[in-house]
Amino acid sequence: MGLRIHFVVDPHGWCCMGLIVFVWLYNFVLIPKIVLFPHYEEGHIPGILIIIFYGIAIFCLVALVRASITDPGRLPENPKIPHGEREFWELCNKCNLMRPKRSHHCSRCGHCVRRMDHHCPWINNCVGEDNHWLFLQLCFYTELLTCYALMFSFFHYYYFLPLKKRNLDLFVVRHELAIMRLAAFMGVTMLVGITGLFYTQLIGIITDTTSIEKMSNCCEEISRPRKPWQQTFSEVFGTRWKILWFIPFRQRQPLRVPYHFANHV
């Protein structure tokens, strides 16, 4: 499946995503400069911890960018409906186009998205069938990066030995306490929000229910086969290889499952 760029023109979404990028840059630049590199130079921590920090940060940024620009599963204006699957399609009452069941019309984007979970202003994009896996990776690596930064901020003041070499001419050294307090505030706020979001996303995948379906309670009325969690996660990530669930650089290939089993609600 080729890479399809999807760009949403939404100033509100741009502001939200810009805030996320600012928080990422703040931690990416200042945490190593104030905490990691000084303690490494004085032998308090091994260099592998710095490499891990940058690795998590890069994976987080790649997942953010790709989740934002990847087509979430926008339906074409004249979709080709296989003859044997017409009963699993329905007419959208907003755009008057045929769509697979479990699709939803996004009022902000103005089109239908396959297996749409929700519209997320923080990535300025819908979360749908083709980018849900990237959104999950973004939640995972954001939480991991936030915990990593908060942990080393705590160790910097309460566990590591005091730094002997401090260049007071540097702005970040003179204003270290204010910078670290702001980083801690943003980190705790981000951690609380992303933990709740990540939890609801995981529960949704395990139960094979989107956020929109939960709000509309449509899944309570219709019985469907219950799939094991390995299969639901494999369908979202497009592979049964669990190690690939954590790699944001690859291309997702949809698993070939029975259409009615994957889309019927």
C-alpha atoms as a PDB file:
ATOM      1  CA  MET A   1       0.000   0.000   0.000  1.00  0.00           C
ATOM      2  CA  GLY A   2       1.535   3.297  -1.090  1.00  0.00           C
ATOM      3  CA  LEU A   3       1.967   6.260   1.199  1.00  0.00           C
ATOM      4  CA  ARG A   4      -0.911   8.720   0.844  1.00  0.00           C
ATOM      5  CA  ILE A   5      -0.358  12.184   2.290  1.00  0.00           C
ATOM      6  CA  HIS A   6      -3.377  13.642   4.050  1.00  0.00           C
ATOM      7  CA  PHE A   7      -3.316  17.304   5.103  1.00  0.00           C
ATOM      8  CA  VAL A   8      -6.162  18.887   7.078  1.00  0.00           C
ATOM      9  CA  VAL A   9      -6.604  22.672   6.833  1.00  0.00           C
ATOM     10  CA  ASP A  10      -7.668  23.503  10.382  1.00  0.00           C
ATOM     11  CA  PRO A  11      -6.085  26.403  12.343  1.00  0.00           C
ATOM     12  CA  HIS A  12      -7.306  24.928  15.634  1.00  0.00           C
ATOM     13  CA  GLY A  13      -5.574  21.652  14.832  1.00  0.00           C
ATOM     14  CA  TRP A  14      -2.405  23.487  13.819  1.00  0.00           C
ATOM     15  CA  CYS A  15      -2.312  25.238  17.210  1.00  0.00           C
ATOM     16  CA  CYS A  16      -2.829  21.979  19.103  1.00  0.00           C
ATOM     17  CA  MET A  17      -0.173  20.158  17.122  1.00  0.00           C
ATOM     18  CA  GLY A  18       2.196  23.137  17.466  1.00  0.00           C
ATOM     19  CA  LEU A  19       1.829  22.896  21.246  1.00  0.00           C
ATOM     20  CA  ILE A  20       2.728  19.213  21.151  1.00  0.00           C
ATOM     21  CA  VAL A  21       5.809  19.923  19.019  1.00  0.00           C
ATOM     22  CA  PHE A  22       6.851  22.696  21.452  1.00  0.00           C
ATOM     23  CA  VAL A  23       6.663  20.309  24.424  1.00  0.00           C
ATOM     24  CA  TRP A  24       8.651  17.721  22.483  1.00  0.00           C
ATOM     25  CA  LEU A  25      11.359  20.251  21.521  1.00  0.00           C
ATOM     26  CA  TYR A  26      11.511  21.600  25.079  1.00  0.00           C
ATOM     27  CA  ASN A  27      12.309  18.154  26.463  1.00  0.00           C
ATOM     28  CA  PHE A  28      14.445  17.080  23.496  1.00  0.00           C
ATOM     29  CA  VAL A  29      16.791  20.065  23.874  1.00  0.00           C
ATOM     30  CA  LEU A  30      16.809  20.989  27.566  1.00  0.00           C
ATOM     31  CA  ILE A  31      16.645  17.661  29.432  1.00  0.00           C
ATOM     32  CA  PRO A  32      19.885  16.342  27.860  1.00  0.00           C
ATOM     33  CA  LYS A  33      21.601  19.731  28.197  1.00  0.00           C
ATOM     34  CA  ILE A  34      20.728  20.200  31.874  1.00  0.00           C
ATOM     35  CA  VAL A  35      20.582  16.625  33.153  1.00  0.00           C
ATOM     36  CA  LEU A  36      21.882  13.877  30.884  1.00  0.00           C
ATOM     37  CA  PHE A  37      25.082  15.272  29.366  1.00  0.00           C
ATOM     38  CA  PRO A  38      26.439  16.897  32.587  1.00  0.00           C
ATOM     39  CA  HIS A  39      25.918  13.714  34.609  1.00  0.00           C
ATOM     40  CA  TYR A  40      27.409  11.615  31.814  1.00  0.00           C
ATOM     41  CA  GLU A  41      30.519  13.813  31.689  1.00  0.00           C
ATOM     42  CA  GLU A  42      31.014  13.359  35.425  1.00  0.00           C
ATOM     43  CA  GLY A  43      30.506   9.590  35.243  1.00  0.00           C
ATOM     44  CA  HIS A  44      27.157   9.412  37.028  1.00  0.00           C
ATOM     45  CA  ILE A  45      25.280   7.676  34.186  1.00  0.00           C
ATOM     46  CA  PRO A  46      26.312   5.500  31.207  1.00  0.00           C
ATOM     47  CA  GLY A  47      26.066   6.842  27.676  1.00  0.00           C
ATOM     48  CA  ILE A  48      23.480   4.224  26.701  1.00  0.00           C
ATOM     49  CA  LEU A  49      20.852   6.131  28.706  1.00  0.00           C
ATOM     50  CA  ILE A  50      21.354   9.174  26.474  1.00  0.00           C
ATOM     51  CA  ILE A  51      21.037   7.023  23.364  1.00  0.00           C
ATOM     52  CA  ILE A  52      17.795   5.509  24.717  1.00  0.00           C
ATOM     53  CA  PHE A  53      16.391   8.990  25.413  1.00  0.00           C
ATOM     54  CA  TYR A  54      17.079  10.205  21.881  1.00  0.00           C
ATOM     55  CA  GLY A  55      15.770   6.949  20.407  1.00  0.00           C
ATOM     56  CA  ILE A  56      12.445   7.260  22.228  1.00  0.00           C
ATOM     57  CA  ALA A  57      12.197  10.950  21.279  1.00  0.00           C
ATOM     58  CA  ILE A  58      12.795  10.246  17.582  1.00  0.00           C
ATOM     59  CA  PHE A  59      10.261   7.394  17.534  1.00  0.00           C
ATOM     60  CA  CYS A  60       7.756   9.713  19.226  1.00  0.00           C
ATOM     61  CA  LEU A  61       8.277  12.467  16.639  1.00  0.00           C
ATOM     62  CA  VAL A  62       8.058  10.075  13.687  1.00  0.00           C
ATOM     63  CA  ALA A  63       4.796   8.627  15.034  1.00  0.00           C
ATOM     64  CA  LEU A  64       3.412  12.154  15.527  1.00  0.00           C
ATOM     65  CA  VAL A  65       4.283  13.331  12.018  1.00  0.00           C
ATOM     66  CA  ARG A  66       3.096  10.164  10.309  1.00  0.00           C
ATOM     67  CA  ALA A  67      -0.168  10.009  12.285  1.00  0.00           C
ATOM     68  CA  SER A  68      -0.799  13.615  11.265  1.00  0.00           C
ATOM     69  CA  ILE A  69      -0.142  13.298   7.531  1.00  0.00           C
ATOM     70  CA  THR A  70      -1.261   9.708   6.864  1.00  0.00           C
ATOM     71  CA  ASP A  71      -4.634   9.242   5.210  1.00  0.00           C
ATOM     72  CA  PRO A  72      -6.811   7.780   8.008  1.00  0.00           C
ATOM     73  CA  GLY A  73      -8.965   5.867   5.531  1.00  0.00           C
ATOM     74  CA  ARG A  74     -10.856   8.469   3.544  1.00  0.00           C
ATOM     75  CA  LEU A  75     -13.405   6.898   1.255  1.00  0.00           C
ATOM     76  CA  PRO A  76     -13.397   7.773  -2.471  1.00  0.00           C
ATOM     77  CA  GLU A  77     -16.423   9.460  -3.993  1.00  0.00           C
ATOM     78  CA  ASN A  78     -17.311   6.425  -6.121  1.00  0.00           C
ATOM     79  CA  PRO A  79     -16.110   3.344  -4.238  1.00  0.00           C
ATOM     80  CA  LYS A  80     -16.110  -0.016  -5.942  1.00  0.00           C
ATOM     81  CA  ILE A  81     -18.313  -2.325  -3.905  1.00  0.00           C
ATOM     82  CA  PRO A  82     -17.654  -6.064  -4.367  1.00  0.00           C
ATOM     83  CA  HIS A  83     -20.825  -7.836  -5.415  1.00  0.00           C
ATOM     84  CA  GLY A  84     -20.829 -10.230  -2.473  1.00  0.00           C
ATOM     85  CA  GLU A  85     -20.310  -7.504   0.132  1.00  0.00           C
ATOM     86  CA  ARG A  86     -23.079  -5.023  -0.696  1.00  0.00           C
ATOM     87  CA  GLU A  87     -25.014  -5.946   2.425  1.00  0.00           C
ATOM     88  CA  PHE A  88     -22.117  -4.672   4.546  1.00  0.00           C
ATOM     89  CA  TRP A  89     -22.284  -1.179   3.045  1.00  0.00           C
ATOM     90  CA  GLU A  90     -24.634   1.666   3.908  1.00  0.00           C
ATOM     91  CA  LEU A  91     -25.507   5.162   2.694  1.00  0.00           C
ATOM     92  CA  CYS A  92     -24.057   8.138   4.581  1.00  0.00           C
ATOM     93  CA  ASN A  93     -26.871  10.581   5.358  1.00  0.00           C
ATOM     94  CA  LYS A  94     -24.462  13.549   5.283  1.00  0.00           C
ATOM     95  CA  CYS A  95     -22.470  13.137   2.080  1.00  0.00           C
ATOM     96  CA  ASN A  96     -24.898  10.714   0.350  1.00  0.00           C
ATOM     97  CA  LEU A  97     -22.119   8.284  -0.542  1.00  0.00           C
ATOM     98  CA  MET A  98     -21.881   4.563   0.042  1.00  0.00           C
ATOM     99  CA  ARG A  99     -19.515   3.502   2.813  1.00  0.00           C
ATOM    100  CA  PRO A 100     -18.625   0.277   4.667  1.00  0.00           C
ATOM    101  CA  LYS A 101     -20.335  -0.242   7.973  1.00  0.00           C
ATOM    102  CA  ARG A 102     -18.317   1.059  10.959  1.00  0.00           C
ATOM    103  CA  SER A 103     -17.326   4.077   8.864  1.00  0.00           C
ATOM    104  CA  HIS A 104     -18.206   7.541  10.149  1.00  0.00           C
ATOM    105  CA  HIS A 105     -18.590  10.995   8.634  1.00  0.00           C
ATOM    106  CA  CYS A 106     -16.177  13.520  10.178  1.00  0.00           C
ATOM    107  CA  SER A 107     -17.870  16.908  10.305  1.00  0.00           C
ATOM    108  CA  ARG A 108     -14.533  18.708  10.751  1.00  0.00           C
ATOM    109  CA  CYS A 109     -12.827  17.055   7.765  1.00  0.00           C
ATOM    110  CA  GLY A 110     -15.994  16.823   5.671  1.00  0.00           C
ATOM    111  CA  HIS A 111     -15.744  13.208   4.504  1.00  0.00           C
ATOM    112  CA  CYS A 112     -16.287   9.633   5.645  1.00  0.00           C
ATOM    113  CA  VAL A 113     -13.443   7.623   7.205  1.00  0.00           C
ATOM    114  CA  ARG A 114     -13.258   3.826   7.401  1.00  0.00           C
ATOM    115  CA  ARG A 115     -13.539   2.528  10.950  1.00  0.00           C
ATOM    116  CA  MET A 116     -13.122   6.022  12.319  1.00  0.00           C
ATOM    117  CA  ASP A 117     -12.282   6.162  16.032  1.00  0.00           C
ATOM    118  CA  HIS A 118     -12.360   9.934  16.579  1.00  0.00           C
ATOM    119  CA  HIS A 119     -11.025  13.223  15.238  1.00  0.00           C
ATOM    120  CA  CYS A 120      -7.945  14.229  17.216  1.00  0.00           C
ATOM    121  CA  PRO A 121      -6.970  17.927  17.219  1.00  0.00           C
ATOM    122  CA  TRP A 122      -3.549  17.065  18.693  1.00  0.00           C
ATOM    123  CA  ILE A 123      -2.523  15.401  15.424  1.00  0.00           C
ATOM    124  CA  ASN A 124      -4.859  17.578  13.315  1.00  0.00           C
ATOM    125  CA  ASN A 125      -6.305  14.472  11.699  1.00  0.00           C
ATOM    126  CA  CYS A 126      -8.904  11.776  12.086  1.00  0.00           C
ATOM    127  CA  VAL A 127      -7.900   8.501  13.706  1.00  0.00           C
ATOM    128  CA  GLY A 128      -9.154   5.795  11.380  1.00  0.00           C
ATOM    129  CA  GLU A 129      -8.353   2.399   9.947  1.00  0.00           C
ATOM    130  CA  ASP A 130      -5.114   3.393   8.192  1.00  0.00           C
ATOM    131  CA  ASN A 131      -3.451   5.525  10.906  1.00  0.00           C
ATOM    132  CA  HIS A 132      -4.849   4.120  14.155  1.00  0.00           C
ATOM    133  CA  TRP A 133      -1.673   2.091  14.643  1.00  0.00           C
ATOM    134  CA  LEU A 134       0.440   5.248  14.389  1.00  0.00           C
ATOM    135  CA  PHE A 135      -1.782   7.012  16.918  1.00  0.00           C
ATOM    136  CA  LEU A 136      -1.264   4.127  19.352  1.00  0.00           C
ATOM    137  CA  GLN A 137       2.488   4.329  18.847  1.00  0.00           C
ATOM    138  CA  LEU A 138       2.324   8.076  19.473  1.00  0.00           C
ATOM    139  CA  CYS A 139       0.498   7.519  22.771  1.00  0.00           C
ATOM    140  CA  PHE A 140       2.973   4.807  23.799  1.00  0.00           C
ATOM    141  CA  TYR A 141       6.166   6.718  22.984  1.00  0.00           C
ATOM    142  CA  THR A 142       4.807   9.990  24.408  1.00  0.00           C
ATOM    143  CA  GLU A 143       4.089   8.256  27.708  1.00  0.00           C
ATOM    144  CA  LEU A 144       7.476   6.530  27.651  1.00  0.00           C
ATOM    145  CA  LEU A 145       9.332   9.765  26.865  1.00  0.00           C
ATOM    146  CA  THR A 146       7.429  11.690  29.544  1.00  0.00           C
ATOM    147  CA  CYS A 147       8.175   9.064  32.208  1.00  0.00           C
ATOM    148  CA  TYR A 148      11.829   9.005  31.160  1.00  0.00           C
ATOM    149  CA  ALA A 149      12.167  12.789  31.397  1.00  0.00           C
ATOM    150  CA  LEU A 150      10.344  12.999  34.743  1.00  0.00           C
ATOM    151  CA  MET A 151      12.433  10.180  36.182  1.00  0.00           C
ATOM    152  CA  PHE A 152      15.746  11.838  35.316  1.00  0.00           C
ATOM    153  CA  SER A 153      14.482  15.218  36.487  1.00  0.00           C
ATOM    154  CA  PHE A 154      13.750  13.624  39.869  1.00  0.00           C
ATOM    155  CA  PHE A 155      17.105  11.820  39.970  1.00  0.00           C
ATOM    156  CA  HIS A 156      18.894  15.055  39.084  1.00  0.00           C
ATOM    157  CA  TYR A 157      17.844  16.666  42.372  1.00  0.00           C
ATOM    158  CA  TYR A 158      17.276  13.757  44.740  1.00  0.00           C
ATOM    159  CA  TYR A 159      19.507  10.843  43.683  1.00  0.00           C
ATOM    160  CA  PHE A 160      22.516  11.821  41.570  1.00  0.00           C
ATOM    161  CA  LEU A 161      25.580  13.364  43.123  1.00  0.00           C
ATOM    162  CA  PRO A 162      25.752  17.172  42.806  1.00  0.00           C
ATOM    163  CA  LEU A 163      27.477  18.397  39.653  1.00  0.00           C
ATOM    164  CA  LYS A 164      30.958  19.760  40.218  1.00  0.00           C
ATOM    165  CA  LYS A 165      31.358  21.549  36.890  1.00  0.00           C
ATOM    166  CA  ARG A 166      28.697  24.186  36.317  1.00  0.00           C
ATOM    167  CA  ASN A 167      29.109  27.008  33.829  1.00  0.00           C
ATOM    168  CA  LEU A 168      27.040  29.826  35.327  1.00  0.00           C
ATOM    169  CA  ASP A 169      27.469  31.873  32.157  1.00  0.00           C
ATOM    170  CA  LEU A 170      24.982  29.622  30.389  1.00  0.00           C
ATOM    171  CA  PHE A 171      21.346  30.742  30.419  1.00  0.00           C
ATOM    172  CA  VAL A 172      20.018  27.221  31.076  1.00  0.00           C
ATOM    173  CA  VAL A 173      22.299  26.871  34.112  1.00  0.00           C
ATOM    174  CA  ARG A 174      21.382  30.241  35.647  1.00  0.00           C
ATOM    175  CA  HIS A 175      17.663  29.557  35.207  1.00  0.00           C
ATOM    176  CA  GLU A 176      17.805  25.804  35.726  1.00  0.00           C
ATOM    177  CA  LEU A 177      15.214  25.646  38.511  1.00  0.00           C
ATOM    178  CA  ALA A 178      12.572  27.569  36.533  1.00  0.00           C
ATOM    179  CA  ILE A 179      13.236  25.504  33.403  1.00  0.00           C
ATOM    180  CA  MET A 180      12.971  22.205  35.280  1.00  0.00           C
ATOM    181  CA  ARG A 181       9.814  23.277  37.095  1.00  0.00           C
ATOM    182  CA  LEU A 182       8.162  24.088  33.776  1.00  0.00           C
ATOM    183  CA  ALA A 183       9.351  20.771  32.356  1.00  0.00           C
ATOM    184  CA  ALA A 184       7.939  18.925  35.376  1.00  0.00           C
ATOM    185  CA  PHE A 185       4.586  20.722  35.072  1.00  0.00           C
ATOM    186  CA  MET A 186       4.284  19.919  31.368  1.00  0.00           C
ATOM    187  CA  GLY A 187       5.442  16.355  32.009  1.00  0.00           C
ATOM    188  CA  VAL A 188       2.909  15.620  34.745  1.00  0.00           C
ATOM    189  CA  THR A 189       0.091  17.225  32.742  1.00  0.00           C
ATOM    190  CA  MET A 190       1.050  15.249  29.642  1.00  0.00           C
ATOM    191  CA  LEU A 191       1.416  12.009  31.601  1.00  0.00           C
ATOM    192  CA  VAL A 192      -2.022  12.251  33.217  1.00  0.00           C
ATOM    193  CA  GLY A 193      -3.756  13.076  29.928  1.00  0.00           C
ATOM    194  CA  ILE A 194      -1.955  10.548  27.755  1.00  0.00           C
ATOM    195  CA  THR A 195      -2.363   7.735  30.296  1.00  0.00           C
ATOM    196  CA  GLY A 196      -6.143   8.087  30.263  1.00  0.00           C
ATOM    197  CA  LEU A 197      -6.237   8.328  26.474  1.00  0.00           C
ATOM    198  CA  PHE A 198      -3.902   5.368  25.970  1.00  0.00           C
ATOM    199  CA  TYR A 199      -5.938   3.244  28.385  1.00  0.00           C
ATOM    200  CA  THR A 200      -9.214   3.942  26.571  1.00  0.00           C
ATOM    201  CA  GLN A 201      -7.567   3.187  23.233  1.00  0.00           C
ATOM    202  CA  LEU A 202      -6.247  -0.170  24.430  1.00  0.00           C
ATOM    203  CA  ILE A 203      -9.618  -1.143  25.900  1.00  0.00           C
ATOM    204  CA  GLY A 204     -11.278  -0.153  22.626  1.00  0.00           C
ATOM    205  CA  ILE A 205      -8.986  -2.405  20.602  1.00  0.00           C
ATOM    206  CA  ILE A 206      -9.342  -5.329  22.998  1.00  0.00           C
ATOM    207  CA  THR A 207     -13.138  -5.059  22.825  1.00  0.00           C
ATOM    208  CA  ASP A 208     -13.032  -4.252  19.078  1.00  0.00           C
ATOM    209  CA  THR A 209     -15.017  -1.050  19.626  1.00  0.00           C
ATOM    210  CA  THR A 210     -14.242   2.466  18.419  1.00  0.00           C
ATOM    211  CA  SER A 211     -14.700   5.583  20.535  1.00  0.00           C
ATOM    212  CA  ILE A 212     -17.619   6.679  18.359  1.00  0.00           C
ATOM    213  CA  GLU A 213     -19.315   3.303  18.818  1.00  0.00           C
ATOM    214  CA  LYS A 214     -18.880   3.570  22.581  1.00  0.00           C
ATOM    215  CA  MET A 215     -20.535   6.982  22.642  1.00  0.00           C
ATOM    216  CA  SER A 216     -23.417   5.856  20.441  1.00  0.00           C
ATOM    217  CA  ASN A 217     -23.794   2.521  22.313  1.00  0.00           C
ATOM    218  CA  CYS A 218     -24.506   0.854  18.981  1.00  0.00           C
ATOM    219  CA  CYS A 219     -22.433  -2.192  19.829  1.00  0.00           C
ATOM    220  CA  GLU A 220     -24.636  -3.126  22.778  1.00  0.00           C
ATOM    221  CA  GLU A 221     -27.554  -3.849  20.483  1.00  0.00           C
ATOM    222  CA  ILE A 222     -25.799  -6.086  17.958  1.00  0.00           C
ATOM    223  CA  SER A 223     -23.984  -9.306  18.680  1.00  0.00           C
ATOM    224  CA  ARG A 224     -20.889 -10.185  16.701  1.00  0.00           C
ATOM    225  CA  PRO A 225     -18.140 -12.765  17.083  1.00  0.00           C
ATOM    226  CA  ARG A 226     -15.691 -11.869  19.845  1.00  0.00           C
ATOM    227  CA  LYS A 227     -12.127 -11.943  18.594  1.00  0.00           C
ATOM    228  CA  PRO A 228      -9.032 -12.625  20.719  1.00  0.00           C
ATOM    229  CA  TRP A 229      -6.948  -9.571  21.582  1.00  0.00           C
ATOM    230  CA  GLN A 230      -4.019 -10.776  19.466  1.00  0.00           C
ATOM    231  CA  GLN A 231      -6.211 -10.692  16.366  1.00  0.00           C
ATOM    232  CA  THR A 232      -7.700  -7.257  17.063  1.00  0.00           C
ATOM    233  CA  PHE A 233      -4.249  -5.775  17.627  1.00  0.00           C
ATOM    234  CA  SER A 234      -2.900  -7.522  14.528  1.00  0.00           C
ATOM    235  CA  GLU A 235      -5.710  -6.030  12.443  1.00  0.00           C
ATOM    236  CA  VAL A 236      -4.991  -2.528  13.760  1.00  0.00           C
ATOM    237  CA  PHE A 237      -1.221  -2.761  13.238  1.00  0.00           C
ATOM    238  CA  GLY A 238      -1.462  -4.695   9.986  1.00  0.00           C
ATOM    239  CA  THR A 239       0.870  -7.507  11.043  1.00  0.00           C
ATOM    240  CA  ARG A 240       0.986 -10.467  13.404  1.00  0.00           C
ATOM    241  CA  TRP A 241       4.673  -9.835  14.173  1.00  0.00           C
ATOM    242  CA  LYS A 242       4.449  -8.154  17.588  1.00  0.00           C
ATOM    243  CA  ILE A 243       7.899  -6.568  17.344  1.00  0.00           C
ATOM    244  CA  LEU A 244       6.668  -4.590  14.315  1.00  0.00           C
ATOM    245  CA  TRP A 245       3.869  -3.066  16.395  1.00  0.00           C
ATOM    246  CA  PHE A 246       6.476  -0.723  17.872  1.00  0.00           C
ATOM    247  CA  ILE A 247       8.127   0.397  14.598  1.00  0.00           C
ATOM    248  CA  PRO A 248       6.740   3.664  13.122  1.00  0.00           C
ATOM    249  CA  PHE A 249       9.000   3.649  10.034  1.00  0.00           C
ATOM    250  CA  ARG A 250       7.281   0.810   8.161  1.00  0.00           C
ATOM    251  CA  GLN A 251       4.250   0.683   5.865  1.00  0.00           C
ATOM    252  CA  ARG A 252       1.065  -0.902   7.174  1.00  0.00           C
ATOM    253  CA  GLN A 253      -0.390  -3.729   5.110  1.00  0.00           C
ATOM    254  CA  PRO A 254      -4.017  -4.562   6.001  1.00  0.00           C
ATOM    255  CA  LEU A 255      -4.541  -8.154   7.051  1.00  0.00           C
ATOM    256  CA  ARG A 256      -6.787 -10.208   4.825  1.00  0.00           C
ATOM    257  CA  VAL A 257      -9.692 -11.105   7.088  1.00  0.00           C
ATOM    258  CA  PRO A 258     -13.288 -11.880   6.143  1.00  0.00           C
ATOM    259  CA  TYR A 259     -14.900  -8.566   5.311  1.00  0.00           C
ATOM    260  CA  HIS A 260     -18.073  -9.168   7.308  1.00  0.00           C
ATOM    261  CA  PHE A 261     -16.013 -10.256  10.312  1.00  0.00           C
ATOM    262  CA  ALA A 262     -13.904  -7.112  10.254  1.00  0.00           C
ATOM    263  CA  ASN A 263     -16.543  -4.522   9.407  1.00  0.00           C
ATOM    264  CA  HIS A 264     -19.938  -5.797  10.441  1.00  0.00           C
ATOM    265  CA  VAL A 265     -21.548  -4.013  13.396  1.00  0.00           C
END
